[in-house]
Amino acid sequence: MIVLFDLDGTLVDSAPDLHAALAALCAEEGRPPPSPEATRRVVSLGSRALLASALGPLPEDPAAYEALRHRFLAFYTATGHRKTAWMGGLPELLAALNARGHRWGVVTNKPGDLTGAVLARLLTADVPPPATVVAGDTLGRRKPDPAPLLHALHAAGAELRDGLYVGDAPADIEAARRARLPSFVALWGYLGEDSAPEAWGADGLLERPADLLGAPALLAGEPR
């Protein structure tokens, strides 16, 4: 079995560094920064939602918006991801999965260079390496499109029956449904104030990472 995870909010807590980047951009724009809580609520919605939460209405001109997004990403890269950390219990979960013969991977909408930088900083000898990493620019297709999940399985040499997906946003669950993969909501993630994850159509809700170890979809794929 291979367990695929979303990155931000599911595997790692990147909100502190994303907030620092937004605050730097706001300072350059002469605007007050958003609160850390406001940033955390929209992390899983992507860069457009992050920028709108800090700056309000965004440029309608695509080129102007892209210039703004690149400035934000430059500030984010400059953080060095120093405040980004594993979500509580995730290193232990990944080690437990490995001990039980499972592999893990990442499917995220985050750009590949930033995904690689985050993982390079956090992966240590205590954490088994991912079997596959698919970022937002790997294919040019992003969740909720199912293609990144299917590509991750193919890259890991796994079949549909051998995979499941864990995420903290409706797009994660929709992508898994469209890929016909079992899915689970990480309730420790960046769900947002108005979220109703029980209505997303996932196969299960996980209060904490260790809960995945008892999920029937995982147990059915245990090596025998």
C-alpha atoms as a PDB file:
ATOM      1  CA  MET A   1       0.000   0.000   0.000  1.00  0.00           C
ATOM      2  CA  ILE A   2       1.145   3.544  -0.728  1.00  0.00           C
ATOM      3  CA  VAL A   3      -0.354   6.395   1.290  1.00  0.00           C
ATOM      4  CA  LEU A   4      -0.348   9.691  -0.595  1.00  0.00           C
ATOM      5  CA  PHE A   5      -0.516  12.914   1.392  1.00  0.00           C
ATOM      6  CA  ASP A   6      -1.229  16.544   0.664  1.00  0.00           C
ATOM      7  CA  LEU A   7       1.659  18.694   1.900  1.00  0.00           C
ATOM      8  CA  ASP A   8       0.594  22.001   3.499  1.00  0.00           C
ATOM      9  CA  GLY A   9      -1.701  21.415   6.456  1.00  0.00           C
ATOM     10  CA  THR A  10      -1.604  17.640   6.162  1.00  0.00           C
ATOM     11  CA  LEU A  11       2.062  16.711   6.394  1.00  0.00           C
ATOM     12  CA  VAL A  12       3.578  20.042   7.398  1.00  0.00           C
ATOM     13  CA  ASP A  13       2.637  23.265   9.145  1.00  0.00           C
ATOM     14  CA  SER A  14       3.876  25.891   6.701  1.00  0.00           C
ATOM     15  CA  ALA A  15       1.506  28.665   7.812  1.00  0.00           C
ATOM     16  CA  PRO A  16       4.111  30.576   9.894  1.00  0.00           C
ATOM     17  CA  ASP A  17       6.445  31.027   6.914  1.00  0.00           C
ATOM     18  CA  LEU A  18       3.598  31.811   4.525  1.00  0.00           C
ATOM     19  CA  HIS A  19       2.350  34.442   6.963  1.00  0.00           C
ATOM     20  CA  ALA A  20       5.851  35.939   7.206  1.00  0.00           C
ATOM     21  CA  ALA A  21       5.955  36.211   3.404  1.00  0.00           C
ATOM     22  CA  LEU A  22       2.542  37.882   3.313  1.00  0.00           C
ATOM     23  CA  ALA A  23       3.584  40.308   6.037  1.00  0.00           C
ATOM     24  CA  ALA A  24       6.693  41.264   4.054  1.00  0.00           C
ATOM     25  CA  LEU A  25       4.615  41.813   0.924  1.00  0.00           C
ATOM     26  CA  CYS A  26       2.089  43.908   2.842  1.00  0.00           C
ATOM     27  CA  ALA A  27       4.893  46.038   4.268  1.00  0.00           C
ATOM     28  CA  GLU A  28       6.174  46.658   0.742  1.00  0.00           C
ATOM     29  CA  GLU A  29       2.625  47.577  -0.326  1.00  0.00           C
ATOM     30  CA  GLY A  30       2.119  49.866   2.683  1.00  0.00           C
ATOM     31  CA  ARG A  31      -0.693  47.754   4.088  1.00  0.00           C
ATOM     32  CA  PRO A  32      -1.193  46.145   7.507  1.00  0.00           C
ATOM     33  CA  PRO A  33      -0.488  42.407   7.550  1.00  0.00           C
ATOM     34  CA  PRO A  34      -3.240  39.833   8.032  1.00  0.00           C
ATOM     35  CA  SER A  35      -3.398  37.971  11.313  1.00  0.00           C
ATOM     36  CA  PRO A  36      -1.673  34.583  11.522  1.00  0.00           C
ATOM     37  CA  GLU A  37      -5.107  33.031  12.044  1.00  0.00           C
ATOM     38  CA  ALA A  38      -6.450  34.598   8.838  1.00  0.00           C
ATOM     39  CA  THR A  39      -3.517  33.170   6.908  1.00  0.00           C
ATOM     40  CA  ARG A  40      -3.952  29.713   8.396  1.00  0.00           C
ATOM     41  CA  ARG A  41      -7.605  29.611   7.319  1.00  0.00           C
ATOM     42  CA  VAL A  42      -6.773  29.945   3.611  1.00  0.00           C
ATOM     43  CA  VAL A  43      -3.465  28.106   3.196  1.00  0.00           C
ATOM     44  CA  SER A  44      -5.113  25.095   1.564  1.00  0.00           C
ATOM     45  CA  LEU A  45      -6.842  27.325  -0.992  1.00  0.00           C
ATOM     46  CA  GLY A  46      -3.609  28.336  -2.734  1.00  0.00           C
ATOM     47  CA  SER A  47      -1.645  31.488  -3.465  1.00  0.00           C
ATOM     48  CA  ARG A  48      -4.552  33.470  -4.929  1.00  0.00           C
ATOM     49  CA  ALA A  49      -6.588  33.039  -1.744  1.00  0.00           C
ATOM     50  CA  LEU A  50      -3.555  33.841   0.399  1.00  0.00           C
ATOM     51  CA  LEU A  51      -2.895  37.061  -1.507  1.00  0.00           C
ATOM     52  CA  ALA A  52      -6.552  38.103  -1.435  1.00  0.00           C
ATOM     53  CA  SER A  53      -6.717  37.502   2.324  1.00  0.00           C
ATOM     54  CA  ALA A  54      -3.891  39.990   2.792  1.00  0.00           C
ATOM     55  CA  LEU A  55      -4.426  42.516  -0.001  1.00  0.00           C
ATOM     56  CA  GLY A  56      -8.122  42.382  -0.812  1.00  0.00           C
ATOM     57  CA  PRO A  57      -9.174  42.509  -4.500  1.00  0.00           C
ATOM     58  CA  LEU A  58      -6.355  41.317  -6.740  1.00  0.00           C
ATOM     59  CA  PRO A  59      -5.325  42.712 -10.149  1.00  0.00           C
ATOM     60  CA  GLU A  60      -7.639  41.569 -12.926  1.00  0.00           C
ATOM     61  CA  ASP A  61      -4.833  41.772 -15.459  1.00  0.00           C
ATOM     62  CA  PRO A  62      -3.152  38.323 -15.568  1.00  0.00           C
ATOM     63  CA  ALA A  63       0.336  39.785 -15.979  1.00  0.00           C
ATOM     64  CA  ALA A  64      -0.101  42.125 -13.016  1.00  0.00           C
ATOM     65  CA  TYR A  65      -1.393  39.272 -10.870  1.00  0.00           C
ATOM     66  CA  GLU A  66       1.533  37.032 -11.867  1.00  0.00           C
ATOM     67  CA  ALA A  67       3.992  39.784 -10.967  1.00  0.00           C
ATOM     68  CA  LEU A  68       2.359  40.067  -7.543  1.00  0.00           C
ATOM     69  CA  ARG A  69       2.417  36.305  -7.052  1.00  0.00           C
ATOM     70  CA  HIS A  70       6.102  36.124  -7.954  1.00  0.00           C
ATOM     71  CA  ARG A  71       6.916  38.834  -5.418  1.00  0.00           C
ATOM     72  CA  PHE A  72       5.065  36.854  -2.775  1.00  0.00           C
ATOM     73  CA  LEU A  73       6.857  33.633  -3.725  1.00  0.00           C
ATOM     74  CA  ALA A  74      10.205  35.434  -3.563  1.00  0.00           C
ATOM     75  CA  PHE A  75       9.438  36.529  -0.003  1.00  0.00           C
ATOM     76  CA  TYR A  76       8.298  33.001   0.819  1.00  0.00           C
ATOM     77  CA  THR A  77      11.480  31.465  -0.589  1.00  0.00           C
ATOM     78  CA  ALA A  78      13.519  33.949   1.437  1.00  0.00           C
ATOM     79  CA  THR A  79      12.055  32.565   4.670  1.00  0.00           C
ATOM     80  CA  GLY A  80      14.115  29.433   4.132  1.00  0.00           C
ATOM     81  CA  HIS A  81      11.117  27.542   5.540  1.00  0.00           C
ATOM     82  CA  ARG A  82      12.762  27.942   8.925  1.00  0.00           C
ATOM     83  CA  LYS A  83       9.452  27.929  10.828  1.00  0.00           C
ATOM     84  CA  THR A  84       7.886  25.115   8.828  1.00  0.00           C
ATOM     85  CA  ALA A  85       7.594  21.854  10.781  1.00  0.00           C
ATOM     86  CA  TRP A  86       5.949  18.466  10.582  1.00  0.00           C
ATOM     87  CA  MET A  87       2.394  18.385  11.801  1.00  0.00           C
ATOM     88  CA  GLY A  88       2.322  16.763  15.224  1.00  0.00           C
ATOM     89  CA  GLY A  89       2.480  12.983  14.995  1.00  0.00           C
ATOM     90  CA  LEU A  90       3.407  12.830  11.304  1.00  0.00           C
ATOM     91  CA  PRO A  91       7.014  11.587  11.633  1.00  0.00           C
ATOM     92  CA  GLU A  92       5.743   8.836  13.926  1.00  0.00           C
ATOM     93  CA  LEU A  93       2.986   7.937  11.448  1.00  0.00           C
ATOM     94  CA  LEU A  94       5.408   7.747   8.524  1.00  0.00           C
ATOM     95  CA  ALA A  95       7.764   5.547  10.553  1.00  0.00           C
ATOM     96  CA  ALA A  96       4.870   3.286  11.580  1.00  0.00           C
ATOM     97  CA  LEU A  97       3.687   2.962   7.979  1.00  0.00           C
ATOM     98  CA  ASN A  98       7.195   2.024   6.920  1.00  0.00           C
ATOM     99  CA  ALA A  99       7.468  -0.557   9.699  1.00  0.00           C
ATOM    100  CA  ARG A 100       4.245  -2.172   8.488  1.00  0.00           C
ATOM    101  CA  GLY A 101       5.465  -2.422   4.912  1.00  0.00           C
ATOM    102  CA  HIS A 102       3.696   0.609   3.440  1.00  0.00           C
ATOM    103  CA  ARG A 103       5.209   3.428   1.407  1.00  0.00           C
ATOM    104  CA  TRP A 104       4.207   7.069   1.328  1.00  0.00           C
ATOM    105  CA  GLY A 105       4.255   9.927  -1.141  1.00  0.00           C
ATOM    106  CA  VAL A 106       3.276  13.556  -1.643  1.00  0.00           C
ATOM    107  CA  VAL A 107       0.756  15.059  -4.046  1.00  0.00           C
ATOM    108  CA  THR A 108       0.515  18.816  -3.650  1.00  0.00           C
ATOM    109  CA  ASN A 109      -0.450  21.894  -5.647  1.00  0.00           C
ATOM    110  CA  LYS A 110       2.633  23.675  -4.289  1.00  0.00           C
ATOM    111  CA  PRO A 111       5.305  24.419  -6.933  1.00  0.00           C
ATOM    112  CA  GLY A 112       8.006  21.783  -7.240  1.00  0.00           C
ATOM    113  CA  ASP A 113      10.955  23.936  -6.150  1.00  0.00           C
ATOM    114  CA  LEU A 114       9.188  24.958  -2.937  1.00  0.00           C
ATOM    115  CA  THR A 115       7.975  21.413  -2.284  1.00  0.00           C
ATOM    116  CA  GLY A 116      11.512  20.110  -2.679  1.00  0.00           C
ATOM    117  CA  ALA A 117      12.935  22.787  -0.389  1.00  0.00           C
ATOM    118  CA  VAL A 118      10.433  22.017   2.377  1.00  0.00           C
ATOM    119  CA  LEU A 119      11.018  18.273   2.196  1.00  0.00           C
ATOM    120  CA  ALA A 120      14.793  18.658   2.008  1.00  0.00           C
ATOM    121  CA  ARG A 121      14.747  20.640   5.242  1.00  0.00           C
ATOM    122  CA  LEU A 122      12.449  18.291   7.128  1.00  0.00           C
ATOM    123  CA  LEU A 123      13.458  14.817   5.979  1.00  0.00           C
ATOM    124  CA  THR A 124      15.903  13.232   8.398  1.00  0.00           C
ATOM    125  CA  ALA A 125      17.231   9.752   9.041  1.00  0.00           C
ATOM    126  CA  ASP A 126      14.270   9.169  11.358  1.00  0.00           C
ATOM    127  CA  VAL A 127      11.749   9.602   8.528  1.00  0.00           C
ATOM    128  CA  PRO A 128      11.586   7.156   5.603  1.00  0.00           C
ATOM    129  CA  PRO A 129      11.906   8.992   2.268  1.00  0.00           C
ATOM    130  CA  PRO A 130       8.832   9.401   0.052  1.00  0.00           C
ATOM    131  CA  ALA A 131       8.358   6.945  -2.787  1.00  0.00           C
ATOM    132  CA  THR A 132       7.019   9.679  -5.058  1.00  0.00           C
ATOM    133  CA  VAL A 133       6.493  13.448  -5.023  1.00  0.00           C
ATOM    134  CA  VAL A 134       4.100  15.168  -7.436  1.00  0.00           C
ATOM    135  CA  ALA A 135       3.950  18.966  -7.245  1.00  0.00           C
ATOM    136  CA  GLY A 136       1.609  21.518  -8.757  1.00  0.00           C
ATOM    137  CA  ASP A 137       3.818  22.045 -11.801  1.00  0.00           C
ATOM    138  CA  THR A 138       4.826  18.415 -12.366  1.00  0.00           C
ATOM    139  CA  LEU A 139       2.068  17.839 -14.926  1.00  0.00           C
ATOM    140  CA  GLY A 140       0.534  21.254 -15.472  1.00  0.00           C
ATOM    141  CA  ARG A 141      -2.676  19.811 -13.971  1.00  0.00           C
ATOM    142  CA  ARG A 142      -3.554  20.343 -10.342  1.00  0.00           C
ATOM    143  CA  LYS A 143      -5.997  18.995  -7.800  1.00  0.00           C
ATOM    144  CA  PRO A 144      -8.980  18.596  -7.911  1.00  0.00           C
ATOM    145  CA  ASP A 145      -7.941  17.071 -11.244  1.00  0.00           C
ATOM    146  CA  PRO A 146      -7.198  13.396 -10.507  1.00  0.00           C
ATOM    147  CA  ALA A 147      -4.180  13.287 -12.844  1.00  0.00           C
ATOM    148  CA  PRO A 148      -1.569  14.147 -10.168  1.00  0.00           C
ATOM    149  CA  LEU A 149      -2.773  11.288  -7.945  1.00  0.00           C
ATOM    150  CA  LEU A 150      -2.773   8.818 -10.828  1.00  0.00           C
ATOM    151  CA  HIS A 151       0.671  10.002 -11.897  1.00  0.00           C
ATOM    152  CA  ALA A 152       1.985   9.522  -8.353  1.00  0.00           C
ATOM    153  CA  LEU A 153       0.744   5.935  -8.293  1.00  0.00           C
ATOM    154  CA  HIS A 154       2.259   5.233 -11.705  1.00  0.00           C
ATOM    155  CA  ALA A 155       5.595   6.784 -10.697  1.00  0.00           C
ATOM    156  CA  ALA A 156       5.679   4.585  -7.593  1.00  0.00           C
ATOM    157  CA  GLY A 157       4.810   1.480  -9.585  1.00  0.00           C
ATOM    158  CA  ALA A 158       1.526   1.086  -7.686  1.00  0.00           C
ATOM    159  CA  GLU A 159      -1.949   0.097  -8.805  1.00  0.00           C
ATOM    160  CA  LEU A 160      -5.186   1.902  -7.906  1.00  0.00           C
ATOM    161  CA  ARG A 161      -6.049  -0.819  -5.413  1.00  0.00           C
ATOM    162  CA  ASP A 162      -2.770  -0.134  -3.603  1.00  0.00           C
ATOM    163  CA  GLY A 163      -3.290   3.577  -2.867  1.00  0.00           C
ATOM    164  CA  LEU A 164      -5.178   5.989  -0.652  1.00  0.00           C
ATOM    165  CA  TYR A 165      -5.034   9.756  -0.140  1.00  0.00           C
ATOM    166  CA  VAL A 166      -5.036  12.002   2.921  1.00  0.00           C
ATOM    167  CA  GLY A 167      -5.720  15.735   2.650  1.00  0.00           C
ATOM    168  CA  ASP A 168      -7.268  18.703   4.411  1.00  0.00           C
ATOM    169  CA  ALA A 169      -9.251  20.436   1.656  1.00  0.00           C
ATOM    170  CA  PRO A 170     -12.296  19.652  -0.503  1.00  0.00           C
ATOM    171  CA  ALA A 171     -10.067  19.637  -3.598  1.00  0.00           C
ATOM    172  CA  ASP A 172      -8.050  16.788  -2.081  1.00  0.00           C
ATOM    173  CA  ILE A 173     -11.108  14.639  -1.524  1.00  0.00           C
ATOM    174  CA  GLU A 174     -12.561  15.465  -4.935  1.00  0.00           C
ATOM    175  CA  ALA A 175      -9.299  14.526  -6.638  1.00  0.00           C
ATOM    176  CA  ALA A 176      -9.234  11.202  -4.798  1.00  0.00           C
ATOM    177  CA  ARG A 177     -12.885  10.507  -5.649  1.00  0.00           C
ATOM    178  CA  ARG A 178     -12.261  11.217  -9.324  1.00  0.00           C
ATOM    179  CA  ALA A 179      -9.192   8.966  -9.216  1.00  0.00           C
ATOM    180  CA  ARG A 180     -11.262   6.275  -7.447  1.00  0.00           C
ATOM    181  CA  LEU A 181      -8.947   6.224  -4.445  1.00  0.00           C
ATOM    182  CA  PRO A 182     -10.055   5.899  -0.813  1.00  0.00           C
ATOM    183  CA  SER A 183      -9.662   9.278   0.892  1.00  0.00           C
ATOM    184  CA  PHE A 184      -9.374  10.631   4.411  1.00  0.00           C
ATOM    185  CA  VAL A 185      -9.674  14.154   5.815  1.00  0.00           C
ATOM    186  CA  ALA A 186      -6.864  15.318   8.089  1.00  0.00           C
ATOM    187  CA  LEU A 187      -8.868  17.178  10.736  1.00  0.00           C
ATOM    188  CA  TRP A 188      -5.649  18.631  12.155  1.00  0.00           C
ATOM    189  CA  GLY A 189      -5.154  20.585   8.924  1.00  0.00           C
ATOM    190  CA  TYR A 190      -6.100  24.023   7.597  1.00  0.00           C
ATOM    191  CA  LEU A 191      -9.819  23.376   7.337  1.00  0.00           C
ATOM    192  CA  GLY A 192     -11.046  26.954   7.661  1.00  0.00           C
ATOM    193  CA  GLU A 193     -13.867  28.289   9.815  1.00  0.00           C
ATOM    194  CA  ASP A 194     -16.695  27.439   7.414  1.00  0.00           C
ATOM    195  CA  SER A 195     -15.574  23.941   6.537  1.00  0.00           C
ATOM    196  CA  ALA A 196     -17.841  20.925   6.927  1.00  0.00           C
ATOM    197  CA  PRO A 197     -15.456  18.037   6.192  1.00  0.00           C
ATOM    198  CA  GLU A 198     -18.092  15.456   7.015  1.00  0.00           C
ATOM    199  CA  ALA A 199     -19.884  16.605   3.845  1.00  0.00           C
ATOM    200  CA  TRP A 200     -16.884  16.301   1.528  1.00  0.00           C
ATOM    201  CA  GLY A 201     -17.541  12.649   0.755  1.00  0.00           C
ATOM    202  CA  ALA A 202     -14.333  11.183   2.175  1.00  0.00           C
ATOM    203  CA  ASP A 203     -14.085   7.588   3.360  1.00  0.00           C
ATOM    204  CA  GLY A 204     -13.074   8.723   6.829  1.00  0.00           C
ATOM    205  CA  LEU A 205     -12.186  11.619   9.118  1.00  0.00           C
ATOM    206  CA  LEU A 206      -8.914  11.437  11.034  1.00  0.00           C
ATOM    207  CA  GLU A 207      -8.743  13.279  14.352  1.00  0.00           C
ATOM    208  CA  ARG A 208      -5.018  12.597  14.635  1.00  0.00           C
ATOM    209  CA  PRO A 209      -2.416  11.027  12.331  1.00  0.00           C
ATOM    210  CA  ALA A 210      -2.223   7.739  14.235  1.00  0.00           C
ATOM    211  CA  ASP A 211      -5.918   7.114  13.477  1.00  0.00           C
ATOM    212  CA  LEU A 212      -4.945   6.217   9.917  1.00  0.00           C
ATOM    213  CA  LEU A 213      -3.227   3.065  11.164  1.00  0.00           C
ATOM    214  CA  GLY A 214      -6.599   1.570  12.068  1.00  0.00           C
ATOM    215  CA  ALA A 215      -8.415   2.561   8.863  1.00  0.00           C
ATOM    216  CA  PRO A 216      -9.966  -0.455   7.088  1.00  0.00           C
ATOM    217  CA  ALA A 217      -8.677   0.766   3.713  1.00  0.00           C
ATOM    218  CA  LEU A 218      -5.114   0.636   5.060  1.00  0.00           C
ATOM    219  CA  LEU A 219      -5.522  -2.632   6.935  1.00  0.00           C
ATOM    220  CA  ALA A 220      -6.871  -4.274   3.783  1.00  0.00           C
ATOM    221  CA  GLY A 221      -3.557  -3.483   2.088  1.00  0.00           C
ATOM    222  CA  GLU A 222      -1.323  -4.810   4.871  1.00  0.00           C
ATOM    223  CA  PRO A 223       1.391  -7.152   3.590  1.00  0.00           C
ATOM    224  CA  ARG A 224       0.569 -10.742   4.494  1.00  0.00           C
END
